[in-house]
Amino acid sequence: MTRIGILSDTHGLLDPRVFAHFKDVDEIWHAGDIGSIEVLQALREFKPTRAVFGNMDSGDVRYSLSEFYRFRVEDVNVLMTHIGGYPGKYNPWLIPWFKKSLEAKQQHDQMANVETGNDQIANTIDLFVCGHSHILKVQYDPHYRFLTINPGAAGKQGWQPCQTLIRLCISGSTIDNLEVIELEKK
């Protein structure tokens, strides 16, 4: 089991309560608009951290990260970017990746009774993580067959009513124990 802490849109403010809420996670994912290299360094010093840059990031943050990050945790393939959207309203740049993932899943389904390698599965997306909107949203996309997570905003910049984080667990191919954490009412 891998315990994950997910946040986004800190915009240079790393609330100290993040450390308390993420003390038992195995790794942290930051979905962009980090705001300063110091925030990224503090997270990396605390726990292994995966991150992408956001549209408001510049300088050292932008140069040390990429816009898209594909990785695998246990048996879950993850795609993380900052400006992603949600089911029915995705960033158009992502649609080709989503279509390729769906095709790989459909191919795998058709080949379920045939001994094959994991080539098709490696191209799939099981979990899509993004930020940008400052709106917390966890939604399964039945068309592309993956879970979409936007953790909202962990910083105070913006119009969101409160700072939010997400914790979850990945066990094999299962994503569970998802918790929404509200830090503070604005």
Protein backbone atom coordinates (compact mmCIF):
# COMPACT_ATOMS: atom_id res chain seq x y z
CA MET A 1 0.00 0.00 0.00
CA THR A 2 1.26 3.47 -0.94
CA ARG A 3 -0.19 6.49 0.88
CA ILE A 4 -0.35 9.67 -1.21
CA GLY A 5 -0.87 13.33 -0.30
CA ILE A 6 -2.07 15.53 -3.18
CA LEU A 7 -2.10 19.32 -3.33
CA SER A 8 -2.05 22.11 -5.88
CA ASP A 9 -2.02 25.86 -6.23
CA THR A 10 0.06 26.77 -3.18
CA HIS A 11 1.17 29.97 -4.97
CA GLY A 12 4.19 30.35 -2.69
CA LEU A 13 2.36 29.60 0.57
CA LEU A 14 3.02 26.24 2.20
CA ASP A 15 0.67 26.12 5.15
CA PRO A 16 2.45 24.35 8.05
CA ARG A 17 -0.64 22.20 8.58
CA VAL A 18 0.21 20.40 5.32
CA PHE A 19 3.07 18.69 7.16
CA ALA A 20 0.76 17.45 9.90
CA HIS A 21 -1.84 16.15 7.43
CA PHE A 22 0.81 14.50 5.25
CA LYS A 23 3.00 13.11 8.05
CA ASP A 24 1.94 9.50 7.33
CA VAL A 25 2.01 9.62 3.52
CA ASP A 26 4.69 7.86 1.52
CA GLU A 27 4.86 10.55 -1.15
CA ILE A 28 3.42 13.92 -2.11
CA TRP A 29 2.09 15.01 -5.50
CA HIS A 30 1.86 18.72 -6.33
CA ALA A 31 -0.25 19.57 -9.40
CA GLY A 32 1.34 22.95 -10.17
CA ASP A 33 1.32 26.65 -9.37
CA ILE A 34 3.82 25.92 -6.64
CA GLY A 35 4.84 29.56 -6.50
CA SER A 36 8.44 29.31 -5.33
CA ILE A 37 11.37 26.93 -5.37
CA GLU A 38 11.36 27.11 -1.55
CA VAL A 39 7.91 25.49 -1.40
CA LEU A 40 9.08 22.69 -3.69
CA GLN A 41 12.28 22.19 -1.67
CA ALA A 42 10.39 22.09 1.63
CA LEU A 43 8.07 19.40 0.28
CA ARG A 44 11.01 17.38 -1.12
CA GLU A 45 12.86 17.61 2.20
CA PHE A 46 9.75 16.35 4.00
CA LYS A 47 8.68 13.47 1.71
CA PRO A 48 9.44 12.18 -1.80
CA THR A 49 7.59 14.63 -4.05
CA ARG A 50 6.35 14.42 -7.62
CA ALA A 51 5.32 17.73 -9.18
CA VAL A 52 4.53 19.60 -12.38
CA PHE A 53 4.83 23.31 -13.05
CA GLY A 54 1.76 25.49 -13.39
CA ASN A 55 0.97 28.47 -15.56
CA MET A 56 1.96 30.89 -12.77
CA ASP A 57 5.29 29.18 -12.04
CA SER A 58 8.46 30.70 -13.42
CA GLY A 59 12.20 30.61 -12.95
CA ASP A 60 13.64 27.71 -10.97
CA VAL A 61 10.27 25.99 -10.51
CA ARG A 62 9.50 25.92 -14.23
CA TYR A 63 13.03 24.85 -15.15
CA SER A 64 13.18 22.00 -12.63
CA LEU A 65 9.81 20.42 -13.53
CA SER A 66 7.84 19.43 -16.60
CA GLU A 67 4.32 20.34 -17.68
CA PHE A 68 3.19 16.71 -17.87
CA TYR A 69 4.26 13.86 -15.63
CA ARG A 70 3.38 10.22 -16.35
CA PHE A 71 4.31 7.67 -13.73
CA ARG A 72 3.18 4.44 -12.14
CA VAL A 73 2.49 3.76 -8.46
CA GLU A 74 1.99 0.07 -7.80
CA ASP A 75 -0.44 -0.94 -10.59
CA VAL A 76 -1.93 2.53 -11.17
CA ASN A 77 -0.81 4.62 -14.16
CA VAL A 78 -0.97 8.33 -13.36
CA LEU A 79 -0.96 11.41 -15.57
CA MET A 80 -0.48 14.73 -13.78
CA THR A 81 -0.54 18.22 -15.25
CA HIS A 82 -1.65 21.63 -14.04
CA ILE A 83 -4.29 22.74 -16.55
CA GLY A 84 -6.35 19.62 -17.10
CA GLY A 85 -10.05 20.20 -16.66
CA TYR A 86 -12.59 17.54 -15.76
CA PRO A 87 -14.84 15.03 -17.55
CA GLY A 88 -16.50 16.72 -20.49
CA LYS A 89 -14.33 19.86 -20.15
CA TYR A 90 -10.74 18.68 -20.60
CA ASN A 91 -7.82 20.70 -21.90
CA PRO A 92 -7.88 19.85 -25.65
CA TRP A 93 -4.14 19.06 -25.59
CA LEU A 94 -4.91 16.03 -23.41
CA ILE A 95 -7.57 14.39 -25.57
CA PRO A 96 -5.08 12.45 -27.79
CA TRP A 97 -3.49 10.91 -24.65
CA PHE A 98 -6.91 10.05 -23.25
CA LYS A 99 -7.98 8.44 -26.54
CA LYS A 100 -4.76 6.41 -26.67
CA SER A 101 -5.36 5.26 -23.09
CA LEU A 102 -8.94 4.23 -23.86
CA GLU A 103 -7.85 2.32 -26.98
CA ALA A 104 -5.21 0.47 -24.93
CA LYS A 105 -7.83 -0.43 -22.31
CA GLN A 106 -10.23 -1.66 -24.99
CA GLN A 107 -7.47 -3.72 -26.62
CA HIS A 108 -6.57 -5.20 -23.26
CA ASP A 109 -10.23 -6.05 -22.59
CA GLN A 110 -10.46 -7.85 -25.94
CA MET A 111 -7.27 -9.78 -25.22
CA ALA A 112 -8.23 -10.69 -21.65
CA ASN A 113 -8.24 -14.43 -22.35
CA VAL A 114 -5.04 -14.37 -24.39
CA GLU A 115 -1.59 -14.42 -22.79
CA THR A 116 -0.04 -11.01 -23.59
CA GLY A 117 2.53 -8.65 -22.17
CA ASN A 118 1.74 -5.37 -20.46
CA ASP A 119 2.38 -3.21 -23.53
CA GLN A 120 -1.24 -2.04 -23.77
CA ILE A 121 -1.58 -1.49 -20.02
CA ALA A 122 1.55 0.69 -19.92
CA ASN A 123 -0.18 3.21 -22.22
CA THR A 124 -3.26 3.58 -20.04
CA ILE A 125 -4.26 6.28 -17.58
CA ASP A 126 -5.98 5.09 -14.41
CA LEU A 127 -5.71 8.32 -12.44
CA PHE A 128 -5.61 11.85 -13.83
CA VAL A 129 -4.48 14.62 -11.44
CA CYS A 130 -4.62 18.33 -12.21
CA GLY A 131 -5.00 21.70 -10.52
CA HIS A 132 -5.48 25.25 -11.82
CA SER A 133 -9.20 25.85 -11.17
CA HIS A 134 -8.87 26.03 -7.35
CA ILE A 135 -12.05 23.93 -7.32
CA LEU A 136 -11.80 20.61 -5.53
CA LYS A 137 -13.24 17.87 -7.70
CA VAL A 138 -13.05 14.07 -7.59
CA GLN A 139 -14.92 12.51 -10.47
CA TYR A 140 -14.79 9.23 -12.34
CA ASP A 141 -14.84 9.60 -16.11
CA PRO A 142 -16.90 6.69 -17.48
CA HIS A 143 -15.96 7.50 -21.09
CA TYR A 144 -12.17 7.41 -20.69
CA ARG A 145 -12.40 5.06 -17.68
CA PHE A 146 -10.19 6.84 -15.17
CA LEU A 147 -10.53 8.80 -11.95
CA THR A 148 -9.99 12.56 -12.19
CA ILE A 149 -8.75 14.43 -9.13
CA ASN A 150 -8.29 18.15 -8.67
CA PRO A 151 -7.27 18.78 -5.03
CA GLY A 152 -8.43 22.39 -5.12
CA ALA A 153 -6.02 25.01 -3.78
CA ALA A 154 -3.73 24.55 -0.78
CA GLY A 155 -2.72 28.23 -0.84
CA LYS A 156 -4.75 31.31 -0.04
CA GLN A 157 -4.49 33.08 -3.39
CA GLY A 158 -7.71 32.96 -5.39
CA TRP A 159 -11.40 32.89 -4.68
CA GLN A 160 -11.86 29.37 -3.29
CA PRO A 161 -13.75 29.31 0.04
CA CYS A 162 -11.12 27.20 1.84
CA GLN A 163 -7.72 25.58 1.40
CA THR A 164 -7.96 21.90 0.46
CA LEU A 165 -5.76 18.80 0.25
CA ILE A 166 -6.41 15.16 -0.62
CA ARG A 167 -5.06 11.96 0.87
CA LEU A 168 -5.57 8.53 -0.66
CA CYS A 169 -4.10 5.05 -0.76
CA ILE A 170 -3.06 2.93 -3.70
CA SER A 171 -3.01 -0.84 -3.18
CA GLY A 172 -2.19 -2.70 -6.36
CA SER A 173 -4.70 -1.36 -8.88
CA THR A 174 -7.10 -0.07 -6.21
CA ILE A 175 -7.43 3.59 -5.25
CA ASP A 176 -9.20 3.91 -1.91
CA ASN A 177 -9.39 5.65 1.46
CA LEU A 178 -9.69 9.00 -0.30
CA GLU A 179 -10.02 11.88 2.17
CA VAL A 180 -10.70 15.54 1.49
CA ILE A 181 -8.99 17.84 4.00
CA GLU A 182 -10.19 21.42 4.49
CA LEU A 183 -7.53 23.58 6.10
CA GLU A 184 -9.18 26.91 6.63
CA LYS A 185 -12.22 28.91 5.77
CA LYS A 186 -11.33 32.19 4.05
